[in-house]
Amino acid sequence: MSSQENKSSGLAGARPTAAAIVDFHDRLAAAYGPQHWWPIQDPANPRFEILIGAVLTQHTAWTNVEIAIAALREAGSLTPEAMLAHDDLPALIRRAGPHRIKAERLRSLCRWFVERGGFAAIETLDTVTLCRELRSLHGIGPETADVIALYAFDRPRFVADAYAFRILERYGWWQGARRYERLRETIEAALGDDASAGFYDELHALIVAHAKQRCHKRAPDCGRCALAATCEYARAAGPA
């Protein structure tokens, strides 16, 4: 691929290789340690909680999601059937942002889940079909669908969220338009079929940790960055 083709596709310079991505992951892992995602409150029903949390966390802080999930659990509504039957679902999730909008999204997800036959039946879907069906639901876009596929169904998917774009742009692996599917496909193609869901799970969690703790949207802390030695932005910025 030519440099002009790379630029038009969003790639900056050469494509990231599997070895480079593993090194990127390992540097972050050494800095932040195991992330233990997905954070779960109810170990008796973790996978359904992941489904719900993936919707509730849209455009809101995780602390608010935890409050909403706790309210659902206390009301006995942390099952798809209970959520569909609850008359005042928006009130239970009020702390998680636009509660009426998210209540409709949760109901859409719960209806699909029940009609599809629950986890046992949904697990038989191939990953492309699973993500396509999730994206057909009200309020579920590519990022939320991939989060659900990765964390609730152990499917190897790279979550190309805003944090990933920010870090990979600075790192030198991306430039130009932020096209979700293009970045996801680029990372997955580089890693190949051998990369496990567990690797993607930890990679996404580490990217989030790094974006919050070092690679801030404004004034990134390059002086204490675990990626500084190989990051184009940090090298250009020079010593702190």
C-alpha atoms as a PDB file:
ATOM      1  CA  MET A   1       0.000   0.000   0.000  1.00  0.00           C
ATOM      2  CA  SER A   2       1.370   3.441  -0.965  1.00  0.00           C
ATOM      3  CA  SER A   3       1.767   6.280   1.538  1.00  0.00           C
ATOM      4  CA  GLN A   4      -1.062   8.152  -0.207  1.00  0.00           C
ATOM      5  CA  GLU A   5      -3.341   5.109   0.099  1.00  0.00           C
ATOM      6  CA  ASN A   6      -2.386   4.801   3.758  1.00  0.00           C
ATOM      7  CA  LYS A   7      -3.271   8.450   4.331  1.00  0.00           C
ATOM      8  CA  SER A   8      -6.633   8.198   2.596  1.00  0.00           C
ATOM      9  CA  SER A   9      -7.506   5.061   4.543  1.00  0.00           C
ATOM     10  CA  GLY A  10      -6.559   6.608   7.880  1.00  0.00           C
ATOM     11  CA  LEU A  11      -3.296   4.736   8.341  1.00  0.00           C
ATOM     12  CA  ALA A  12      -0.245   6.795   9.214  1.00  0.00           C
ATOM     13  CA  GLY A  13       2.915   5.425   7.615  1.00  0.00           C
ATOM     14  CA  ALA A  14       3.262   1.647   7.716  1.00  0.00           C
ATOM     15  CA  ARG A  15       0.527  -0.627   8.971  1.00  0.00           C
ATOM     16  CA  PRO A  16       0.892  -1.690  12.611  1.00  0.00           C
ATOM     17  CA  THR A  17       2.188  -5.250  12.833  1.00  0.00           C
ATOM     18  CA  ALA A  18       1.120  -7.954  15.254  1.00  0.00           C
ATOM     19  CA  ALA A  19       4.475  -7.689  17.037  1.00  0.00           C
ATOM     20  CA  ALA A  20       4.119  -3.916  17.379  1.00  0.00           C
ATOM     21  CA  ILE A  21       0.585  -4.211  18.762  1.00  0.00           C
ATOM     22  CA  VAL A  22       1.691  -6.852  21.272  1.00  0.00           C
ATOM     23  CA  ASP A  23       4.558  -4.578  22.343  1.00  0.00           C
ATOM     24  CA  PHE A  24       2.083  -1.681  22.676  1.00  0.00           C
ATOM     25  CA  HIS A  25      -0.146  -3.892  24.851  1.00  0.00           C
ATOM     26  CA  ASP A  26       2.764  -5.145  26.951  1.00  0.00           C
ATOM     27  CA  ARG A  27       4.063  -1.644  27.678  1.00  0.00           C
ATOM     28  CA  LEU A  28       0.630  -0.606  28.931  1.00  0.00           C
ATOM     29  CA  ALA A  29       0.219  -3.836  30.899  1.00  0.00           C
ATOM     30  CA  ALA A  30       3.547  -3.232  32.642  1.00  0.00           C
ATOM     31  CA  ALA A  31       2.418   0.272  33.575  1.00  0.00           C
ATOM     32  CA  TYR A  32      -1.133  -0.432  34.730  1.00  0.00           C
ATOM     33  CA  GLY A  33      -1.300  -4.129  35.561  1.00  0.00           C
ATOM     34  CA  PRO A  34      -4.320  -6.414  35.014  1.00  0.00           C
ATOM     35  CA  GLN A  35      -7.533  -4.443  34.513  1.00  0.00           C
ATOM     36  CA  HIS A  36     -10.025  -7.205  35.437  1.00  0.00           C
ATOM     37  CA  TRP A  37     -12.700  -6.029  33.016  1.00  0.00           C
ATOM     38  CA  TRP A  38     -15.688  -6.135  32.836  1.00  0.00           C
ATOM     39  CA  PRO A  39     -16.446  -4.651  36.328  1.00  0.00           C
ATOM     40  CA  ILE A  40     -19.323  -6.694  37.761  1.00  0.00           C
ATOM     41  CA  GLN A  41     -21.539  -6.052  40.801  1.00  0.00           C
ATOM     42  CA  ASP A  42     -23.592  -9.257  40.689  1.00  0.00           C
ATOM     43  CA  PRO A  43     -21.444 -12.381  40.176  1.00  0.00           C
ATOM     44  CA  ALA A  44     -24.620 -14.474  39.950  1.00  0.00           C
ATOM     45  CA  ASN A  45     -25.642 -12.843  36.660  1.00  0.00           C
ATOM     46  CA  PRO A  46     -22.484 -11.291  35.184  1.00  0.00           C
ATOM     47  CA  ARG A  47     -23.114 -11.639  31.465  1.00  0.00           C
ATOM     48  CA  PHE A  48     -26.527 -10.004  31.482  1.00  0.00           C
ATOM     49  CA  GLU A  49     -25.100  -7.217  33.618  1.00  0.00           C
ATOM     50  CA  ILE A  50     -22.490  -6.668  30.891  1.00  0.00           C
ATOM     51  CA  LEU A  51     -25.256  -6.320  28.283  1.00  0.00           C
ATOM     52  CA  ILE A  52     -27.021  -3.711  30.385  1.00  0.00           C
ATOM     53  CA  GLY A  53     -23.833  -1.907  31.379  1.00  0.00           C
ATOM     54  CA  ALA A  54     -22.740  -1.562  27.754  1.00  0.00           C
ATOM     55  CA  VAL A  55     -25.871   0.477  27.031  1.00  0.00           C
ATOM     56  CA  LEU A  56     -25.921   2.424  30.283  1.00  0.00           C
ATOM     57  CA  THR A  57     -22.295   3.529  29.910  1.00  0.00           C
ATOM     58  CA  GLN A  58     -22.973   5.384  26.661  1.00  0.00           C
ATOM     59  CA  HIS A  59     -21.926   9.020  27.199  1.00  0.00           C
ATOM     60  CA  THR A  60     -21.787   8.783  30.987  1.00  0.00           C
ATOM     61  CA  ALA A  61     -19.286   8.026  33.734  1.00  0.00           C
ATOM     62  CA  TRP A  62     -19.019   4.455  35.001  1.00  0.00           C
ATOM     63  CA  THR A  63     -19.811   5.554  38.558  1.00  0.00           C
ATOM     64  CA  ASN A  64     -23.282   6.555  37.340  1.00  0.00           C
ATOM     65  CA  VAL A  65     -23.697   3.183  35.647  1.00  0.00           C
ATOM     66  CA  GLU A  66     -22.900   1.412  38.912  1.00  0.00           C
ATOM     67  CA  ILE A  67     -25.595   3.422  40.689  1.00  0.00           C
ATOM     68  CA  ALA A  68     -28.148   2.559  38.002  1.00  0.00           C
ATOM     69  CA  ILE A  69     -27.280  -1.148  38.055  1.00  0.00           C
ATOM     70  CA  ALA A  70     -27.517  -1.191  41.849  1.00  0.00           C
ATOM     71  CA  ALA A  71     -30.989   0.370  41.611  1.00  0.00           C
ATOM     72  CA  LEU A  72     -32.064  -2.260  39.079  1.00  0.00           C
ATOM     73  CA  ARG A  73     -30.764  -5.048  41.307  1.00  0.00           C
ATOM     74  CA  GLU A  74     -32.468  -3.670  44.425  1.00  0.00           C
ATOM     75  CA  ALA A  75     -35.747  -3.453  42.494  1.00  0.00           C
ATOM     76  CA  GLY A  76     -35.396  -7.071  41.361  1.00  0.00           C
ATOM     77  CA  SER A  77     -35.217  -5.880  37.756  1.00  0.00           C
ATOM     78  CA  LEU A  78     -31.825  -7.138  36.658  1.00  0.00           C
ATOM     79  CA  THR A  79     -33.254  -9.751  34.291  1.00  0.00           C
ATOM     80  CA  PRO A  80     -34.587  -9.190  30.764  1.00  0.00           C
ATOM     81  CA  GLU A  81     -38.109 -10.266  31.681  1.00  0.00           C
ATOM     82  CA  ALA A  82     -38.232  -7.988  34.725  1.00  0.00           C
ATOM     83  CA  MET A  83     -36.893  -5.025  32.796  1.00  0.00           C
ATOM     84  CA  LEU A  84     -39.485  -5.486  30.069  1.00  0.00           C
ATOM     85  CA  ALA A  85     -42.268  -5.702  32.648  1.00  0.00           C
ATOM     86  CA  HIS A  86     -41.185  -2.763  34.816  1.00  0.00           C
ATOM     87  CA  ASP A  87     -43.507   0.221  34.403  1.00  0.00           C
ATOM     88  CA  ASP A  88     -40.996   2.840  35.471  1.00  0.00           C
ATOM     89  CA  LEU A  89     -37.669   1.637  34.135  1.00  0.00           C
ATOM     90  CA  PRO A  90     -36.463   5.205  33.354  1.00  0.00           C
ATOM     91  CA  ALA A  91     -36.684   6.145  37.041  1.00  0.00           C
ATOM     92  CA  LEU A  92     -34.435   3.242  38.039  1.00  0.00           C
ATOM     93  CA  ILE A  93     -31.679   4.260  35.631  1.00  0.00           C
ATOM     94  CA  ARG A  94     -32.026   8.023  36.034  1.00  0.00           C
ATOM     95  CA  ARG A  95     -28.426   8.456  37.206  1.00  0.00           C
ATOM     96  CA  ALA A  96     -27.058   6.977  33.961  1.00  0.00           C
ATOM     97  CA  GLY A  97     -27.773   9.960  31.728  1.00  0.00           C
ATOM     98  CA  PRO A  98     -30.736  10.409  29.353  1.00  0.00           C
ATOM     99  CA  HIS A  99     -32.822   7.834  31.201  1.00  0.00           C
ATOM    100  CA  ARG A 100     -35.880   7.708  28.930  1.00  0.00           C
ATOM    101  CA  ILE A 101     -33.761   7.212  25.830  1.00  0.00           C
ATOM    102  CA  LYS A 102     -31.643   4.557  27.506  1.00  0.00           C
ATOM    103  CA  ALA A 103     -34.720   2.795  28.868  1.00  0.00           C
ATOM    104  CA  GLU A 104     -35.986   2.352  25.303  1.00  0.00           C
ATOM    105  CA  ARG A 105     -32.593   1.036  24.245  1.00  0.00           C
ATOM    106  CA  LEU A 106     -32.555  -1.425  27.124  1.00  0.00           C
ATOM    107  CA  ARG A 107     -36.046  -2.639  26.277  1.00  0.00           C
ATOM    108  CA  SER A 108     -35.040  -3.149  22.650  1.00  0.00           C
ATOM    109  CA  LEU A 109     -31.986  -5.142  23.730  1.00  0.00           C
ATOM    110  CA  CYS A 110     -34.022  -7.210  26.210  1.00  0.00           C
ATOM    111  CA  ARG A 111     -36.701  -8.015  23.621  1.00  0.00           C
ATOM    112  CA  TRP A 112     -34.047  -9.196  21.190  1.00  0.00           C
ATOM    113  CA  PHE A 113     -32.357 -11.233  23.920  1.00  0.00           C
ATOM    114  CA  VAL A 114     -35.595 -13.001  24.909  1.00  0.00           C
ATOM    115  CA  GLU A 115     -36.813 -13.536  21.346  1.00  0.00           C
ATOM    116  CA  ARG A 116     -33.426 -14.916  20.340  1.00  0.00           C
ATOM    117  CA  GLY A 117     -33.548 -17.487  23.137  1.00  0.00           C
ATOM    118  CA  GLY A 118     -31.021 -16.110  25.610  1.00  0.00           C
ATOM    119  CA  PHE A 119     -27.309 -16.745  25.878  1.00  0.00           C
ATOM    120  CA  ALA A 120     -27.368 -20.417  24.881  1.00  0.00           C
ATOM    121  CA  ALA A 121     -29.009 -19.683  21.537  1.00  0.00           C
ATOM    122  CA  ILE A 122     -27.220 -16.408  20.836  1.00  0.00           C
ATOM    123  CA  GLU A 123     -23.835 -18.052  21.392  1.00  0.00           C
ATOM    124  CA  THR A 124     -24.447 -20.184  18.293  1.00  0.00           C
ATOM    125  CA  LEU A 125     -24.382 -17.081  16.076  1.00  0.00           C
ATOM    126  CA  ASP A 126     -21.158 -16.326  14.260  1.00  0.00           C
ATOM    127  CA  THR A 127     -19.510 -13.044  15.225  1.00  0.00           C
ATOM    128  CA  VAL A 128     -20.493 -11.131  12.088  1.00  0.00           C
ATOM    129  CA  THR A 129     -24.154 -12.095  12.505  1.00  0.00           C
ATOM    130  CA  LEU A 130     -24.095 -11.335  16.226  1.00  0.00           C
ATOM    131  CA  CYS A 131     -22.698  -7.845  15.692  1.00  0.00           C
ATOM    132  CA  ARG A 132     -25.036  -7.165  12.779  1.00  0.00           C
ATOM    133  CA  GLU A 133     -28.077  -8.096  14.850  1.00  0.00           C
ATOM    134  CA  LEU A 134     -26.908  -6.008  17.787  1.00  0.00           C
ATOM    135  CA  ARG A 135     -26.361  -3.007  15.518  1.00  0.00           C
ATOM    136  CA  SER A 136     -29.889  -3.366  14.166  1.00  0.00           C
ATOM    137  CA  LEU A 137     -31.292  -2.649  17.630  1.00  0.00           C
ATOM    138  CA  HIS A 138     -32.432   0.796  18.702  1.00  0.00           C
ATOM    139  CA  GLY A 139     -29.528   2.890  20.004  1.00  0.00           C
ATOM    140  CA  ILE A 140     -26.794   0.275  19.584  1.00  0.00           C
ATOM    141  CA  GLY A 141     -23.992   1.348  17.269  1.00  0.00           C
ATOM    142  CA  PRO A 142     -20.730  -0.337  16.276  1.00  0.00           C
ATOM    143  CA  GLU A 143     -18.892   0.429  19.511  1.00  0.00           C
ATOM    144  CA  THR A 144     -21.614  -0.842  21.852  1.00  0.00           C
ATOM    145  CA  ALA A 145     -22.135  -3.920  19.671  1.00  0.00           C
ATOM    146  CA  ASP A 146     -18.434  -4.753  19.775  1.00  0.00           C
ATOM    147  CA  VAL A 147     -18.254  -4.207  23.536  1.00  0.00           C
ATOM    148  CA  ILE A 148     -21.135  -6.657  24.010  1.00  0.00           C
ATOM    149  CA  ALA A 149     -19.625  -9.169  21.577  1.00  0.00           C
ATOM    150  CA  LEU A 150     -16.242  -8.974  23.321  1.00  0.00           C
ATOM    151  CA  TYR A 151     -17.185  -8.911  26.989  1.00  0.00           C
ATOM    152  CA  ALA A 152     -20.481 -10.825  27.068  1.00  0.00           C
ATOM    153  CA  PHE A 153     -19.786 -13.368  24.305  1.00  0.00           C
ATOM    154  CA  ASP A 154     -15.967 -13.644  24.310  1.00  0.00           C
ATOM    155  CA  ARG A 155     -15.634 -12.705  20.650  1.00  0.00           C
ATOM    156  CA  PRO A 156     -12.283 -11.240  19.556  1.00  0.00           C
ATOM    157  CA  ARG A 157     -13.220  -7.675  18.550  1.00  0.00           C
ATOM    158  CA  PHE A 158     -11.162  -4.504  18.729  1.00  0.00           C
ATOM    159  CA  VAL A 159     -13.187  -1.666  20.245  1.00  0.00           C
ATOM    160  CA  ALA A 160     -12.246   1.387  18.165  1.00  0.00           C
ATOM    161  CA  ASP A 161     -13.611   3.987  20.548  1.00  0.00           C
ATOM    162  CA  ALA A 162     -12.612   7.641  20.923  1.00  0.00           C
ATOM    163  CA  TYR A 163      -9.847   6.702  23.373  1.00  0.00           C
ATOM    164  CA  ALA A 164      -8.339   4.281  20.839  1.00  0.00           C
ATOM    165  CA  PHE A 165      -8.387   6.898  18.096  1.00  0.00           C
ATOM    166  CA  ARG A 166      -6.804   9.521  20.359  1.00  0.00           C
ATOM    167  CA  ILE A 167      -3.959   7.264  21.450  1.00  0.00           C
ATOM    168  CA  LEU A 168      -3.294   5.626  18.081  1.00  0.00           C
ATOM    169  CA  GLU A 169      -3.310   8.991  16.300  1.00  0.00           C
ATOM    170  CA  ARG A 170      -0.659  10.279  18.680  1.00  0.00           C
ATOM    171  CA  TYR A 171       1.230   7.005  18.564  1.00  0.00           C
ATOM    172  CA  GLY A 172       1.530   7.330  14.782  1.00  0.00           C
ATOM    173  CA  TRP A 173      -0.756   4.532  13.637  1.00  0.00           C
ATOM    174  CA  TRP A 174      -3.689   6.618  12.452  1.00  0.00           C
ATOM    175  CA  GLN A 175      -4.451   9.923  10.778  1.00  0.00           C
ATOM    176  CA  GLY A 176      -7.329  11.525   8.914  1.00  0.00           C
ATOM    177  CA  ALA A 177     -10.992  10.609   9.286  1.00  0.00           C
ATOM    178  CA  ARG A 178     -11.992   8.600  12.337  1.00  0.00           C
ATOM    179  CA  ARG A 179     -13.698   5.679  10.635  1.00  0.00           C
ATOM    180  CA  TYR A 180     -14.680   3.108  13.228  1.00  0.00           C
ATOM    181  CA  GLU A 181     -14.826   0.003  11.046  1.00  0.00           C
ATOM    182  CA  ARG A 182     -11.615   0.862   9.244  1.00  0.00           C
ATOM    183  CA  LEU A 183      -9.613   1.086  12.460  1.00  0.00           C
ATOM    184  CA  ARG A 184     -11.209  -2.047  13.909  1.00  0.00           C
ATOM    185  CA  GLU A 185     -10.475  -4.031  10.752  1.00  0.00           C
ATOM    186  CA  THR A 186      -6.896  -2.716  10.571  1.00  0.00           C
ATOM    187  CA  ILE A 187      -6.018  -3.832  14.098  1.00  0.00           C
ATOM    188  CA  GLU A 188      -7.789  -7.177  13.755  1.00  0.00           C
ATOM    189  CA  ALA A 189      -6.133  -7.885  10.392  1.00  0.00           C
ATOM    190  CA  ALA A 190      -2.714  -7.116  11.857  1.00  0.00           C
ATOM    191  CA  LEU A 191      -3.243  -9.428  14.828  1.00  0.00           C
ATOM    192  CA  GLY A 192      -4.747 -12.224  12.742  1.00  0.00           C
ATOM    193  CA  ASP A 193      -6.811 -15.161  13.898  1.00  0.00           C
ATOM    194  CA  ASP A 194      -4.522 -16.130  16.776  1.00  0.00           C
ATOM    195  CA  ALA A 195      -5.417 -13.130  18.965  1.00  0.00           C
ATOM    196  CA  SER A 196      -7.808 -14.227  21.696  1.00  0.00           C
ATOM    197  CA  ALA A 197     -10.826 -12.449  23.096  1.00  0.00           C
ATOM    198  CA  GLY A 198      -8.840 -12.174  26.322  1.00  0.00           C
ATOM    199  CA  PHE A 199      -6.128 -10.196  24.535  1.00  0.00           C
ATOM    200  CA  TYR A 200      -8.675  -7.786  23.040  1.00  0.00           C
ATOM    201  CA  ASP A 201     -10.436  -7.546  26.401  1.00  0.00           C
ATOM    202  CA  GLU A 202      -7.268  -6.410  28.134  1.00  0.00           C
ATOM    203  CA  LEU A 203      -6.116  -4.231  25.225  1.00  0.00           C
ATOM    204  CA  HIS A 204      -9.323  -2.187  25.302  1.00  0.00           C
ATOM    205  CA  ALA A 205      -9.236  -1.870  29.085  1.00  0.00           C
ATOM    206  CA  LEU A 206      -5.594  -0.759  29.017  1.00  0.00           C
ATOM    207  CA  ILE A 207      -6.312   1.838  26.330  1.00  0.00           C
ATOM    208  CA  VAL A 208      -9.095   3.274  28.485  1.00  0.00           C
ATOM    209  CA  ALA A 209      -6.804   3.345  31.531  1.00  0.00           C
ATOM    210  CA  HIS A 210      -4.026   5.048  29.579  1.00  0.00           C
ATOM    211  CA  ALA A 211      -6.366   7.652  28.085  1.00  0.00           C
ATOM    212  CA  LYS A 212      -7.687   8.538  31.517  1.00  0.00           C
ATOM    213  CA  GLN A 213      -4.390   8.517  33.400  1.00  0.00           C
ATOM    214  CA  ARG A 214      -1.785   9.749  30.901  1.00  0.00           C
ATOM    215  CA  CYS A 215      -2.959  10.377  27.331  1.00  0.00           C
ATOM    216  CA  HIS A 216      -5.479  13.070  28.196  1.00  0.00           C
ATOM    217  CA  LYS A 217      -7.492  14.843  25.526  1.00  0.00           C
ATOM    218  CA  ARG A 218      -5.708  18.055  26.470  1.00  0.00           C
ATOM    219  CA  ALA A 219      -2.202  18.278  27.935  1.00  0.00           C
ATOM    220  CA  PRO A 220      -1.160  14.602  27.732  1.00  0.00           C
ATOM    221  CA  ASP A 221       1.363  13.556  30.372  1.00  0.00           C
ATOM    222  CA  CYS A 222       4.101  12.420  27.987  1.00  0.00           C
ATOM    223  CA  GLY A 223       6.777  12.678  30.664  1.00  0.00           C
ATOM    224  CA  ARG A 224       5.332   9.696  32.522  1.00  0.00           C
ATOM    225  CA  CYS A 225       3.943   7.799  29.525  1.00  0.00           C
ATOM    226  CA  ALA A 226       4.710   4.089  29.194  1.00  0.00           C
ATOM    227  CA  LEU A 227       4.593   4.474  25.405  1.00  0.00           C
ATOM    228  CA  ALA A 228       6.825   7.551  25.166  1.00  0.00           C
ATOM    229  CA  ALA A 229       9.821   5.717  23.677  1.00  0.00           C
ATOM    230  CA  THR A 230       7.791   4.546  20.675  1.00  0.00           C
ATOM    231  CA  CYS A 231       5.140   7.289  20.422  1.00  0.00           C
ATOM    232  CA  GLU A 232       5.516   9.860  17.634  1.00  0.00           C
ATOM    233  CA  TYR A 233       3.701  12.557  19.611  1.00  0.00           C
ATOM    234  CA  ALA A 234       5.880  12.089  22.697  1.00  0.00           C
ATOM    235  CA  ARG A 235       9.092  12.050  20.677  1.00  0.00           C
ATOM    236  CA  ALA A 236       8.071  15.244  18.875  1.00  0.00           C
ATOM    237  CA  ALA A 237       7.195  16.902  22.180  1.00  0.00           C
ATOM    238  CA  GLY A 238      10.673  16.191  23.536  1.00  0.00           C
ATOM    239  CA  PRO A 239      11.688  15.899  27.205  1.00  0.00           C
ATOM    240  CA  ALA A 240       9.104  17.084  29.721  1.00  0.00           C
END
